[in-house]
Protein backbone atom coordinates (compact mmCIF):
# COMPACT_ATOMS: atom_id res chain seq x y z
CA MET A 1 30.49 68.16 31.85
CA ASN A 2 31.88 67.00 35.16
CA ASP A 3 31.11 69.80 37.65
CA GLN A 4 33.53 68.32 40.25
CA LYS A 5 36.25 70.92 41.60
CA PRO A 6 39.39 70.09 43.01
CA ILE A 7 39.53 69.67 46.91
CA ASP A 8 41.65 72.82 48.22
CA LEU A 9 44.38 70.68 50.06
CA ALA A 10 46.09 73.93 50.74
CA ARG A 11 43.41 75.27 53.10
CA PRO A 12 45.28 73.61 56.08
CA LEU A 13 48.06 75.86 55.30
CA ARG A 14 45.92 78.93 54.83
CA ILE A 15 44.49 78.64 57.97
CA ALA A 16 47.98 77.87 59.71
CA VAL A 17 49.06 80.75 58.28
CA GLY A 18 45.84 83.34 59.33
CA LEU A 19 46.63 81.94 62.91
CA MET A 20 49.82 82.54 62.88
CA LEU A 21 49.23 86.46 61.73
CA ILE A 22 46.77 86.79 64.04
CA VAL A 23 49.00 85.64 66.82
CA VAL A 24 51.90 87.99 65.29
CA VAL A 25 49.67 91.00 65.33
CA GLY A 26 48.21 90.16 68.99
CA VAL A 27 51.45 89.77 70.36
CA THR A 28 52.96 92.79 68.87
CA LEU A 29 49.73 95.15 70.21
CA LEU A 30 50.29 93.41 73.59
CA GLN A 31 53.71 94.68 73.59
CA ILE A 32 53.12 98.04 72.36
CA ILE A 33 50.39 98.25 75.36
CA LEU A 34 52.79 96.92 78.00
CA ARG A 35 55.97 99.05 76.64
CA TYR A 36 54.09 102.37 76.64
CA PHE A 37 51.06 102.52 79.02
CA PHE A 38 52.57 100.05 81.91
CA ASN A 39 56.18 100.52 81.11
CA ALA A 40 56.49 96.60 81.29
CA PRO A 41 57.58 95.22 78.06
CA LEU A 42 57.65 91.67 77.30
CA VAL A 43 61.04 90.09 76.45
CA TRP A 44 59.99 87.53 74.23
CA SER A 45 57.70 89.33 71.65
CA GLU A 46 59.73 90.59 69.31
CA GLU A 47 61.52 86.99 69.14
CA LEU A 48 58.14 85.34 68.67
CA ALA A 49 57.03 87.83 66.09
CA LYS A 50 60.19 87.32 63.97
CA LEU A 51 59.71 83.56 64.24
CA LEU A 52 56.25 83.46 62.96
CA ILE A 53 56.94 85.72 60.15
CA VAL A 54 59.56 83.51 58.97
CA TRP A 55 57.12 80.34 59.03
CA ILE A 56 54.23 82.48 57.62
CA ALA A 57 56.60 83.08 54.74
CA PHE A 58 57.45 79.30 54.04
CA ILE A 59 53.75 77.81 54.65
CA GLY A 60 52.46 80.88 52.65
CA ALA A 61 54.60 80.08 49.73
CA ALA A 62 53.70 76.32 49.79
CA ALA A 63 49.89 77.48 49.51
CA VAL A 64 50.90 79.68 46.71
CA CYS A 65 52.73 76.87 44.91
CA TRP A 66 49.21 74.83 45.29
CA ASP A 67 47.55 77.67 43.48
CA GLY A 68 49.98 78.33 40.98
CA ARG A 69 49.78 81.98 41.74
CA HIS A 70 53.92 83.16 42.41
CA LEU A 71 54.69 86.17 40.73
CA ASN A 72 55.81 85.68 37.15
CA VAL A 73 56.40 87.43 34.22
CA ASP A 74 54.24 85.77 31.68
CA VAL A 75 54.63 88.19 28.42
CA PHE A 76 56.85 85.55 26.53
CA PHE A 77 55.17 82.73 28.04
CA LEU A 78 51.88 83.72 26.46
CA MET A 79 53.35 84.12 23.10
CA LEU A 80 54.58 80.85 23.08
CA PRO A 81 52.32 78.32 21.00
CA PRO A 82 50.25 75.91 23.41
CA ARG A 83 52.56 72.73 23.15
CA ALA A 84 55.60 75.00 24.01
CA ARG A 85 53.58 76.56 26.94
CA ASN A 86 52.86 72.75 27.98
CA LEU A 87 56.35 72.01 28.21
CA LEU A 88 57.40 75.20 29.51
CA ARG A 89 55.14 74.45 32.63
CA TYR A 90 56.76 70.98 33.12
CA VAL A 91 60.44 72.38 32.68
CA ASN A 92 59.42 74.88 35.22
CA ALA A 93 58.11 72.79 37.71
CA LEU A 94 61.20 70.25 37.34
CA ILE A 95 63.61 73.25 37.81
CA SER A 96 61.42 74.46 41.15
CA VAL A 97 61.49 71.32 42.64
CA GLY A 98 65.23 70.63 42.03
CA PHE A 99 65.64 73.96 43.77
CA LEU A 100 63.15 73.42 46.58
CA ALA A 101 65.01 69.79 47.02
CA ILE A 102 68.48 71.32 47.25
CA LEU A 103 67.20 73.93 49.89
CA GLY A 104 65.29 71.62 51.85
CA TRP A 105 68.30 69.22 52.03
CA THR A 106 71.07 72.14 53.07
CA SER A 107 68.52 73.58 55.42
CA VAL A 108 68.29 70.21 57.13
CA LYS A 109 72.18 70.44 57.90
CA LEU A 110 71.65 73.92 59.44
CA VAL A 111 68.62 72.85 61.76
CA ILE A 112 71.02 70.19 63.20
CA LEU A 113 73.71 72.64 63.52
CA GLU A 114 71.58 75.36 65.18
CA ASN A 115 69.92 73.00 67.49
CA MET A 116 72.91 73.18 69.29
CA GLN A 117 72.03 76.66 70.99
CA ASP A 118 68.75 78.00 71.91
CA LEU A 119 67.09 81.17 70.97
CA SER A 120 67.77 84.08 73.19
CA ALA A 121 64.58 84.73 74.50
CA LEU A 122 62.12 81.94 73.94
CA PRO A 123 63.02 78.21 75.52
CA LEU A 124 63.13 76.68 71.76
CA PRO A 125 66.22 75.35 70.02
CA ALA A 126 67.77 78.13 67.45
CA GLY A 127 67.16 75.42 64.85
CA VAL A 128 63.49 76.03 64.93
CA VAL A 129 64.02 79.22 62.68
CA ARG A 130 65.50 77.04 59.74
CA LEU A 131 63.12 74.22 60.16
CA ALA A 132 60.76 76.58 58.25
CA ALA A 133 62.79 76.51 55.28
CA THR A 134 62.80 73.02 55.44
CA VAL A 135 59.11 72.13 56.08
CA GLY A 136 58.28 74.83 53.52
CA ALA A 137 60.73 73.34 50.81
CA VAL A 138 58.88 69.73 51.62
CA LEU A 139 55.29 71.51 51.33
CA MET A 140 56.09 73.50 48.32
CA ILE A 141 57.47 70.28 46.39
CA ALA A 142 54.06 68.55 47.31
CA GLY A 143 52.11 71.66 46.08
CA ILE A 144 53.98 71.86 42.91
CA VAL A 145 53.75 67.94 42.02
CA GLY A 146 50.05 68.14 43.33
CA ARG A 147 49.13 71.15 41.13
CA ILE A 148 50.49 69.16 38.15
CA VAL A 149 49.18 65.45 39.02
CA TYR A 150 45.73 66.47 40.65
CA VAL A 151 44.61 70.33 40.10
CA ARG A 152 45.49 70.93 36.46
CA PRO A 153 44.01 67.75 35.08
CA MET A 154 40.78 68.39 37.38
CA HIS A 155 40.52 71.51 35.98
CA ARG A 156 40.98 70.32 32.14
CA GLN A 157 38.16 68.14 32.76
CA THR A 158 35.90 70.96 33.49
CA ASP A 159 37.21 73.97 31.34
CA PRO A 160 39.51 72.92 28.30
CA ALA A 161 40.67 76.70 28.29
CA TYR A 162 41.87 76.39 31.57
CA GLY A 163 45.79 77.18 32.23
CA HIS A 164 46.07 79.40 29.15
CA GLU A 165 47.73 81.84 31.31
CA ASP A 166 49.10 79.64 33.91
CA PRO A 167 52.84 79.12 33.69
CA MET A 168 52.85 76.46 36.65
């Protein structure tokens, strides 16, 4: 048996999400301390926290696509025979990639439109908020395709029973 495990290509995404979460918590705590103890609130902290939370959601979703761990109801999926489950995995991936391609394409248009104005407190174009959807869609597509092409075949080599309950 081959004991080789797939490389976790989503690790940089997980690290980025973790760092962004640390920044959100740190900025929020700093805002609380400055507002209530020193009566000197930060003007930009809430906007930065909201911006980072949007990016956390999309980048985190890409890491979850790589893992195949999105929420799903697998009651009917598990009742299907193995060949039908395998076919459904590919149909599920195709529909997901199609939806994400539409999301990414339409979000590009919104990024361009919103870049004509700036955020209210941060010196950034407003399109940076919508850019999370564009980048996230591309990364999620890469995660889904990478899972099909790289992760699943690698697991099948080491564990023939792998994927029994995995709908993606």
